[in-house]
Amino acid sequence: MKKLFRILALVMSVALCLGCLSACGGSKQLSGLWEVEMEIKDYGIIRMQLDADAAPITVTNFVNLVEDGFYDGLTIHRVYSGFVIQGGDPRGDGTGGSGKTIKGEFYANGVSNNLPHTRGAVSMARLGNNYNSATSQFFIVHQDSAQASLDGLYACFGYVTEGMDVVDAICRKTPVLDANGSVAPEDQPVIVYAKVVH
């Protein structure tokens, strides 16, 4: 009888673990610092250091997408010089994503995240007032002046460590369609690849 109970307990334990893995997307949340390299066609390399201790859900989601090759061939569809450049949308118009949304890790959503949106900050885009609508779209802050309107409302999860000259060039050279920085499909800078280098 004791053996039967032990077997049942083991089966229950395995079932719970499998349920947890399924709910977590099949992987545990990352921790520590992660390095990602992204090449923008005709512009160069951007290297980012991501802080999974400050934003574990966001970094795990982003790193998983990078490792799946999700960003390869996508574009920078929004270029708002002095504010941000934004990409990671498979539709290329600001309305698409990976099909999975994540919790927004920022103060207004009840999460302590003290990473400021200074020049070079890497953060997640989201839909309007839906704090848990971030998916694959990310943005890089172009100038410090953006900080006041972004801190506490968006999930900063790292910083550009090399390649802000690439961001500057994109802001300088990319023609935009409107005051929001929308870029026509034929003018959108292309992400050749993104890869984890640590």
Protein backbone atom coordinates (compact mmCIF):
# COMPACT_ATOMS: atom_id res chain seq x y z
CA MET A 1 0.00 0.00 0.00
CA LYS A 2 2.81 2.43 0.89
CA LYS A 3 4.46 1.68 -2.43
CA LEU A 4 1.20 2.49 -4.24
CA PHE A 5 0.93 5.83 -2.42
CA ARG A 6 4.54 6.65 -3.34
CA ILE A 7 3.83 5.90 -7.00
CA LEU A 8 0.67 8.03 -6.95
CA ALA A 9 2.58 10.87 -5.29
CA LEU A 10 5.28 10.65 -7.95
CA VAL A 11 2.71 10.68 -10.75
CA MET A 12 1.00 13.74 -9.22
CA SER A 13 4.35 15.49 -8.85
CA VAL A 14 5.26 14.88 -12.49
CA ALA A 15 1.82 16.07 -13.62
CA LEU A 16 2.19 19.28 -11.61
CA CYS A 17 5.65 19.91 -13.05
CA LEU A 18 4.41 19.36 -16.60
CA GLY A 19 1.51 21.72 -15.95
CA CYS A 20 3.89 24.36 -14.67
CA LEU A 21 6.17 23.99 -17.70
CA SER A 22 3.19 24.30 -20.01
CA ALA A 23 1.95 27.46 -18.25
CA CYS A 24 5.45 28.97 -18.35
CA GLY A 25 5.87 28.30 -22.06
CA GLY A 26 8.05 25.30 -21.46
CA SER A 27 10.95 27.18 -19.91
CA LYS A 28 11.85 28.74 -16.60
CA GLN A 29 12.49 32.44 -16.17
CA LEU A 30 16.04 33.59 -16.79
CA SER A 31 18.24 35.47 -14.34
CA GLY A 32 21.45 37.48 -14.59
CA LEU A 33 22.77 39.44 -17.55
CA TRP A 34 22.30 38.36 -21.17
CA GLU A 35 24.04 39.72 -24.26
CA VAL A 36 22.19 39.96 -27.57
CA GLU A 37 23.65 41.02 -30.90
CA MET A 38 21.46 42.36 -33.68
CA GLU A 39 22.57 43.31 -37.19
CA ILE A 40 20.65 45.98 -39.07
CA LYS A 41 21.13 45.74 -42.83
CA ASP A 42 23.27 48.55 -44.29
CA TYR A 43 23.72 50.07 -40.81
CA GLY A 44 25.71 47.70 -38.60
CA ILE A 45 25.65 45.86 -35.29
CA ILE A 46 23.73 46.75 -32.14
CA ARG A 47 24.74 44.92 -28.96
CA MET A 48 22.45 44.88 -25.94
CA GLN A 49 22.94 43.81 -22.34
CA LEU A 50 19.66 42.55 -20.89
CA ASP A 51 18.98 42.44 -17.15
CA ALA A 52 16.89 39.39 -16.26
CA ASP A 53 17.10 40.17 -12.55
CA ALA A 54 15.25 43.47 -13.10
CA ALA A 55 12.79 42.14 -15.71
CA PRO A 56 12.82 38.32 -15.76
CA ILE A 57 9.56 37.81 -17.68
CA THR A 58 10.52 40.33 -20.35
CA VAL A 59 14.09 39.11 -20.81
CA THR A 60 13.00 35.46 -20.92
CA ASN A 61 10.41 36.27 -23.60
CA PHE A 62 12.87 38.32 -25.66
CA VAL A 63 15.72 35.80 -25.41
CA ASN A 64 13.38 32.93 -26.33
CA LEU A 65 12.23 34.84 -29.43
CA VAL A 66 15.84 35.61 -30.38
CA GLU A 67 16.86 31.97 -29.98
CA ASP A 68 13.88 30.90 -32.10
CA GLY A 69 15.04 33.23 -34.92
CA PHE A 70 11.83 35.22 -34.62
CA TYR A 71 13.44 38.62 -35.29
CA ASP A 72 15.51 37.53 -38.29
CA GLY A 73 14.24 39.41 -41.34
CA LEU A 74 11.82 41.66 -39.44
CA THR A 75 12.13 45.44 -39.57
CA ILE A 76 12.33 48.71 -37.70
CA HIS A 77 8.89 50.09 -38.56
CA ARG A 78 8.93 53.23 -36.41
CA VAL A 79 11.69 55.84 -36.30
CA TYR A 80 10.92 58.79 -34.05
CA SER A 81 14.16 60.76 -33.97
CA GLY A 82 14.94 62.11 -30.50
CA PHE A 83 12.58 59.58 -28.95
CA VAL A 84 12.74 55.90 -30.01
CA ILE A 85 13.22 53.42 -32.83
CA GLN A 86 10.81 50.47 -32.71
CA GLY A 87 10.78 47.04 -34.35
CA GLY A 88 9.99 43.38 -33.94
CA ASP A 89 6.57 43.37 -35.63
CA PRO A 90 6.05 40.60 -38.23
CA ARG A 91 3.38 42.76 -39.89
CA GLY A 92 5.69 45.75 -40.06
CA ASP A 93 2.98 48.25 -39.14
CA GLY A 94 2.89 48.26 -35.33
CA THR A 95 -0.08 45.89 -35.00
CA GLY A 96 1.59 42.46 -34.98
CA GLY A 97 3.38 40.26 -32.49
CA SER A 98 4.51 36.75 -31.63
CA GLY A 99 1.07 35.47 -30.65
CA LYS A 100 1.95 35.48 -26.94
CA THR A 101 1.62 38.40 -24.53
CA ILE A 102 3.49 38.94 -21.27
CA LYS A 103 3.00 40.82 -18.01
CA GLY A 104 4.30 44.38 -18.15
CA GLU A 105 7.17 44.68 -15.66
CA PHE A 106 6.92 48.33 -14.62
CA TYR A 107 5.75 50.41 -11.67
CA ALA A 108 2.26 51.30 -12.98
CA ASN A 109 1.57 47.56 -13.28
CA GLY A 110 2.63 46.80 -9.72
CA VAL A 111 6.18 45.68 -10.57
CA SER A 112 9.36 47.20 -9.12
CA ASN A 113 11.66 47.88 -12.08
CA ASN A 114 14.16 50.67 -11.53
CA LEU A 115 15.82 50.63 -14.97
CA PRO A 116 15.48 54.18 -16.37
CA HIS A 117 14.62 54.96 -19.99
CA THR A 118 17.80 56.87 -20.69
CA ARG A 119 19.56 56.95 -24.08
CA GLY A 120 20.18 53.37 -25.22
CA ALA A 121 17.49 51.78 -23.04
CA VAL A 122 15.82 48.70 -24.55
CA SER A 123 12.15 48.41 -23.64
CA MET A 124 8.92 46.69 -24.67
CA ALA A 125 6.16 48.31 -26.70
CA ARG A 126 2.55 47.59 -25.78
CA LEU A 127 -0.99 48.45 -26.87
CA GLY A 128 -2.51 51.62 -25.44
CA ASN A 129 -3.56 51.23 -21.81
CA ASN A 130 -3.27 47.44 -21.81
CA TYR A 131 -0.34 46.94 -19.46
CA ASN A 132 -0.06 43.22 -20.22
CA SER A 133 -0.11 43.43 -24.03
CA ALA A 134 3.64 43.38 -24.78
CA THR A 135 4.60 40.59 -27.16
CA SER A 136 7.58 40.90 -29.54
CA GLN A 137 7.79 44.60 -30.36
CA PHE A 138 10.65 46.42 -28.64
CA PHE A 139 12.08 49.91 -28.80
CA ILE A 140 15.44 51.55 -28.21
CA VAL A 141 15.48 55.01 -26.63
CA HIS A 142 17.27 57.55 -28.81
CA GLN A 143 17.68 60.42 -26.33
CA ASP A 144 17.42 60.96 -22.57
CA SER A 145 14.50 63.34 -23.11
CA ALA A 146 12.23 60.29 -23.59
CA GLN A 147 12.72 59.17 -19.99
CA ALA A 148 10.05 61.34 -18.38
CA SER A 149 7.23 59.89 -20.51
CA LEU A 150 8.37 56.25 -20.33
CA ASP A 151 9.65 55.49 -16.82
CA GLY A 152 7.19 53.47 -14.76
CA LEU A 153 4.92 52.89 -17.76
CA TYR A 154 7.00 50.62 -19.98
CA ALA A 155 9.22 47.64 -19.23
CA CYS A 156 12.83 48.63 -19.71
CA PHE A 157 14.88 45.42 -19.71
CA GLY A 158 18.38 46.40 -20.77
CA TYR A 159 20.68 48.80 -22.58
CA VAL A 160 22.61 49.12 -25.81
CA THR A 161 26.30 48.61 -25.00
CA GLU A 162 27.58 49.02 -28.58
CA GLY A 163 25.92 50.48 -31.64
CA MET A 164 24.20 53.66 -30.58
CA ASP A 165 25.90 55.13 -33.67
CA VAL A 166 23.73 52.67 -35.63
CA VAL A 167 20.60 53.97 -33.86
CA ASP A 168 21.72 57.55 -34.59
CA ALA A 169 22.21 56.72 -38.28
CA ILE A 170 18.79 55.07 -38.51
CA CYS A 171 17.20 58.17 -36.98
CA ARG A 172 19.14 60.44 -39.32
CA LYS A 173 18.65 58.57 -42.59
CA THR A 174 15.24 56.90 -42.44
CA PRO A 175 12.40 58.85 -44.06
CA VAL A 176 9.17 58.87 -42.06
CA LEU A 177 5.54 59.31 -43.06
CA ASP A 178 4.15 61.19 -40.09
CA ALA A 179 4.86 62.81 -36.72
CA ASN A 180 4.63 59.41 -35.02
CA GLY A 181 7.63 58.10 -36.95
CA SER A 182 5.82 55.58 -39.16
CA VAL A 183 8.07 54.22 -41.91
CA ALA A 184 6.90 52.98 -45.32
CA PRO A 185 7.59 49.25 -45.82
CA GLU A 186 10.17 49.87 -48.54
CA ASP A 187 12.13 52.23 -46.26
CA GLN A 188 12.11 50.12 -43.10
CA PRO A 189 15.59 49.08 -41.89
CA VAL A 190 15.84 45.29 -41.85
CA ILE A 191 17.00 43.16 -38.91
CA VAL A 192 19.33 40.68 -40.63
CA TYR A 193 19.60 38.54 -37.49
CA ALA A 194 19.48 38.63 -33.73
CA LYS A 195 21.48 36.16 -31.65
CA VAL A 196 22.36 35.55 -28.02
CA VAL A 197 26.11 35.92 -27.52
CA HIS A 198 26.02 35.00 -23.82
